Protein backbone atom coordinates (compact mmCIF):
# COMPACT_ATOMS: atom_id res chain seq x y z
CA MET A 1 34.14 -13.58 -64.95
CA LEU A 2 31.03 -11.77 -63.76
CA ALA A 3 29.54 -15.06 -62.55
CA GLY A 4 32.67 -15.77 -60.52
CA LEU A 5 32.58 -12.30 -58.99
CA LEU A 6 28.91 -12.68 -58.07
CA ALA A 7 29.46 -16.15 -56.57
CA SER A 8 32.42 -14.89 -54.52
CA ALA A 9 30.51 -11.85 -53.27
CA THR A 10 27.48 -13.97 -52.31
CA THR A 11 29.66 -16.49 -50.48
CA PHE A 12 31.53 -13.80 -48.55
CA PHE A 13 28.34 -11.92 -47.72
CA ALA A 14 26.71 -15.05 -46.35
CA THR A 15 29.70 -16.27 -44.33
CA ILE A 16 30.89 -12.88 -43.06
CA GLY A 17 27.32 -11.92 -42.17
CA PRO A 18 27.31 -8.09 -42.23
CA ILE A 19 23.65 -7.86 -41.20
CA GLU A 20 24.03 -10.18 -38.20
CA ALA A 21 27.22 -8.35 -37.24
CA ALA A 22 25.41 -5.00 -37.39
CA VAL A 23 22.67 -6.32 -35.10
CA LEU A 24 25.20 -7.50 -32.52
CA PHE A 25 27.26 -4.31 -32.88
CA ALA A 26 24.20 -2.24 -32.00
CA THR A 27 23.64 -4.26 -28.83
CA LEU A 28 27.30 -3.84 -27.79
CA THR A 29 27.47 -0.08 -28.38
CA PRO A 30 24.15 1.36 -27.11
CA LYS A 31 25.68 4.48 -25.52
CA MET A 32 28.45 5.29 -28.00
CA ASP A 33 28.20 8.30 -30.29
CA ARG A 34 28.28 7.90 -34.07
CA ALA A 35 31.95 8.90 -34.44
CA ALA A 36 33.10 6.31 -31.90
CA ARG A 37 31.01 3.59 -33.56
CA GLN A 38 32.46 4.45 -36.97
CA ALA A 39 36.02 4.27 -35.62
CA ILE A 40 35.38 0.82 -34.13
CA ALA A 41 33.61 -0.35 -37.30
CA LEU A 42 36.51 0.80 -39.49
CA LYS A 43 39.10 -0.92 -37.30
CA ALA A 44 37.10 -4.16 -37.16
CA THR A 45 36.53 -4.34 -40.92
CA LEU A 46 40.18 -3.56 -41.71
CA ILE A 47 41.41 -6.29 -39.35
CA ALA A 48 38.86 -8.83 -40.59
CA GLY A 49 39.58 -7.92 -44.21
CA GLY A 50 43.32 -8.34 -43.63
CA ILE A 51 42.82 -11.77 -42.07
CA LEU A 52 40.61 -12.98 -44.92
CA LEU A 53 42.90 -11.50 -47.59
CA THR A 54 45.78 -13.45 -46.04
CA PHE A 55 43.76 -16.65 -46.37
CA VAL A 56 42.93 -15.83 -50.00
CA LEU A 57 46.56 -15.22 -50.95
CA LEU A 58 48.42 -17.66 -48.70
CA GLY A 59 45.86 -20.35 -47.97
CA GLN A 60 46.77 -22.52 -50.97
CA PRO A 61 50.57 -22.57 -50.37
CA MET A 62 49.88 -23.53 -46.77
CA LEU A 63 47.63 -26.38 -47.89
CA ARG A 64 50.25 -27.60 -50.34
CA GLN A 65 52.73 -27.82 -47.48
CA LEU A 66 50.18 -29.89 -45.56
CA GLY A 67 49.58 -32.16 -48.54
CA VAL A 68 45.90 -31.26 -48.90
CA SER A 69 44.55 -31.49 -52.46
CA ILE A 70 42.26 -28.95 -54.08
CA ALA A 71 39.57 -31.61 -54.43
CA ALA A 72 39.72 -32.39 -50.70
CA LEU A 73 39.54 -28.68 -49.87
CA GLN A 74 36.57 -28.13 -52.16
CA THR A 75 34.70 -31.04 -50.60
CA ALA A 76 35.51 -30.10 -46.99
CA GLY A 77 34.85 -26.41 -47.60
CA GLY A 78 31.54 -27.20 -49.26
CA ILE A 79 30.43 -29.29 -46.29
CA ILE A 80 31.37 -26.53 -43.83
CA LEU A 81 29.53 -23.91 -45.87
CA LEU A 82 26.49 -26.19 -46.15
CA LEU A 83 26.30 -26.51 -42.37
CA ILE A 84 26.47 -22.71 -42.03
CA ALA A 85 23.79 -22.35 -44.71
CA LEU A 86 21.47 -24.76 -42.90
CA ASP A 87 21.87 -22.75 -39.70
CA MET A 88 20.96 -19.60 -41.63
CA VAL A 89 17.94 -21.14 -43.37
CA PHE A 90 16.46 -22.69 -40.23
CA ALA A 91 17.54 -19.76 -38.01
CA LYS A 92 18.65 -21.95 -35.13
CA PRO A 93 18.78 -20.10 -31.80
CA GLY A 94 22.25 -18.78 -31.05
CA SER A 95 23.60 -19.44 -34.52
CA ALA A 96 22.93 -16.03 -36.06
CA PHE A 97 25.60 -14.14 -34.17
CA LYS A 98 28.19 -16.95 -34.44
CA LEU A 99 29.15 -16.47 -30.79
CA THR A 100 28.82 -18.91 -27.92
CA PRO A 101 27.12 -17.66 -24.72
CA SER A 102 30.51 -17.40 -22.99
CA GLU A 103 31.96 -15.40 -25.89
CA GLY A 104 28.97 -13.08 -25.82
CA ALA A 105 29.38 -12.49 -22.08
CA GLU A 106 33.09 -11.74 -22.54
CA ALA A 107 32.34 -9.33 -25.37
CA GLN A 108 29.92 -7.38 -23.21
CA GLY A 109 32.68 -6.80 -20.64
CA LYS A 110 35.36 -5.65 -23.08
CA ASP A 111 36.24 -2.03 -23.74
CA GLU A 112 37.86 -2.84 -27.09
CA ILE A 113 35.37 -4.78 -29.17
CA ALA A 114 36.86 -4.07 -32.61
CA VAL A 115 39.23 -7.03 -32.40
CA PHE A 116 37.02 -9.32 -30.30
CA PRO A 117 34.31 -10.20 -31.06
CA LEU A 118 33.82 -8.07 -34.20
CA ALA A 119 36.91 -8.69 -36.32
CA THR A 120 37.16 -12.28 -35.13
CA PRO A 121 35.30 -14.56 -34.71
CA LEU A 122 32.23 -12.61 -35.89
CA LEU A 123 33.43 -11.25 -39.26
CA ALA A 124 36.52 -13.36 -39.94
CA GLY A 125 35.18 -16.60 -38.52
CA PRO A 126 35.87 -20.21 -39.54
CA GLY A 127 33.24 -20.11 -42.29
CA ALA A 128 34.62 -16.94 -43.86
CA MET A 129 38.20 -18.25 -43.63
CA SER A 130 37.18 -21.52 -45.27
CA SER A 131 35.38 -19.56 -47.98
CA ALA A 132 38.47 -17.45 -48.67
CA ILE A 133 40.66 -20.52 -49.17
CA LEU A 134 38.00 -22.35 -51.18
CA LEU A 135 37.33 -19.45 -53.56
CA ALA A 136 41.06 -18.96 -54.13
CA ALA A 137 41.43 -22.70 -54.76
CA ASN A 138 38.64 -22.61 -57.33
CA ALA A 139 40.59 -19.94 -59.21
CA ARG A 140 43.31 -22.58 -59.83
CA GLY A 141 46.11 -20.03 -60.07
CA ASP A 142 44.33 -17.75 -62.55
CA LEU A 143 45.36 -14.26 -61.44
CA VAL A 144 42.25 -12.68 -62.97
CA GLN A 145 39.98 -15.04 -61.01
CA VAL A 146 41.97 -14.47 -57.81
CA GLY A 147 41.61 -10.75 -58.45
CA MET A 148 37.84 -11.21 -58.70
CA VAL A 149 37.85 -12.94 -55.30
CA VAL A 150 39.84 -10.06 -53.79
CA ILE A 151 37.49 -7.48 -55.34
CA ALA A 152 34.46 -9.38 -54.01
CA LEU A 153 36.02 -9.50 -50.54
CA ALA A 154 36.79 -5.77 -50.63
CA GLY A 155 33.25 -4.97 -51.74
CA VAL A 156 31.67 -7.03 -48.96
CA MET A 157 33.96 -5.44 -46.36
CA VAL A 158 32.93 -1.96 -47.54
CA VAL A 159 29.26 -2.97 -47.21
CA THR A 160 30.04 -4.41 -43.77
CA PHE A 161 31.61 -1.13 -42.63
CA LEU A 162 28.59 0.85 -43.84
CA LEU A 163 26.14 -1.48 -42.10
CA LEU A 164 28.12 -1.42 -38.86
CA SER A 165 28.28 2.38 -38.97
CA ALA A 166 24.51 2.56 -39.44
CA SER A 167 23.71 -0.38 -37.16
CA HIS A 168 21.42 1.51 -34.78
CA GLN A 169 19.41 3.04 -37.61
CA LEU A 170 19.34 -0.33 -39.41
CA ASN A 171 17.82 -2.04 -36.40
CA ARG A 172 15.07 0.55 -36.18
CA ILE A 173 14.29 0.52 -39.91
CA ILE A 174 14.21 -3.13 -40.97
CA GLY A 175 13.39 -4.87 -37.70
CA VAL A 176 14.03 -8.45 -36.62
CA THR A 177 11.65 -10.10 -39.10
CA ALA A 178 13.30 -8.54 -42.16
CA GLN A 179 16.73 -9.48 -40.81
CA ARG A 180 15.64 -13.12 -40.51
CA VAL A 181 14.18 -13.10 -44.03
CA LEU A 182 17.41 -11.74 -45.51
CA MET A 183 19.44 -14.28 -43.57
CA ARG A 184 17.32 -17.16 -44.93
CA VAL A 185 17.59 -15.88 -48.52
CA PHE A 186 21.38 -15.73 -48.35
CA GLY A 187 21.37 -19.09 -46.57
CA ILE A 188 19.62 -20.70 -49.53
CA LEU A 189 22.06 -19.12 -51.98
CA LEU A 190 24.99 -20.25 -49.87
CA ALA A 191 23.58 -23.80 -49.70
CA GLY A 192 23.56 -23.98 -53.50
CA ILE A 193 27.15 -22.75 -53.71
CA ALA A 194 28.19 -25.23 -51.00
CA VAL A 195 26.59 -28.24 -52.71
CA GLN A 196 28.21 -27.24 -56.01
CA ALA A 197 31.60 -27.11 -54.25
CA VAL A 198 31.05 -30.64 -52.90
CA PHE A 199 30.06 -31.89 -56.37
CA THR A 200 33.14 -30.27 -57.92
CA GLY A 201 35.46 -31.67 -55.26
CA VAL A 202 34.13 -35.23 -55.52
CA THR A 203 34.21 -35.13 -59.34
CA SER A 204 37.81 -33.85 -59.32
CA ALA A 205 38.85 -36.57 -56.87
CA ILE A 206 37.30 -39.32 -59.03
CA ARG A 207 39.04 -37.97 -62.15
CA ALA A 208 42.36 -37.86 -60.31
CA ILE A 209 42.00 -41.49 -59.26
CA GLY A 210 41.46 -42.45 -62.88
CA PRO A 211 39.48 -45.13 -64.78
CA GLY A 212 40.71 -47.86 -62.45
CA PHE A 213 38.65 -46.49 -59.56
């Protein structure tokens, strides 16, 4: 149970990216006072958390309607997470903030940044959504395991809110180098989780096909 909780928390932390989000948030709110930044941070984390919780709880029924098997989801989700992990490990230019140049330009011109780009696509992006569905699928209907995924998501969103609220101080304290180191560490952990998901998905698919494969 504890292992599942830790794996879920690590996956969400890596794909949601609270540290990268805090860095971008600081660049988007240079002249705002602390109270205004906290209000935006709270709204963004609540919206992003709601989106991801929806994917945790309703992602599997939606996939069943589409005829997508758990094995296929595990394999596809693992591949997506592995690509994100490789971006994190090698720190490719432009990948850290998960925003395209055009999205970044649009964000700079918006008065309301809680919904875009913070809540989505920065916090609740494709990687985090895929992770939510994949982690719920791995629970295989076990309510306790699903509960662990929800608790892990809630914990990461609380950490995200705290980091966003303290984004300006965080930038001054840890600096760019430390941010990149942390991103690479979580990238390596996420890569291991992603490869394991691929292994599990392929193994499940082979077992479902049977001895005649």
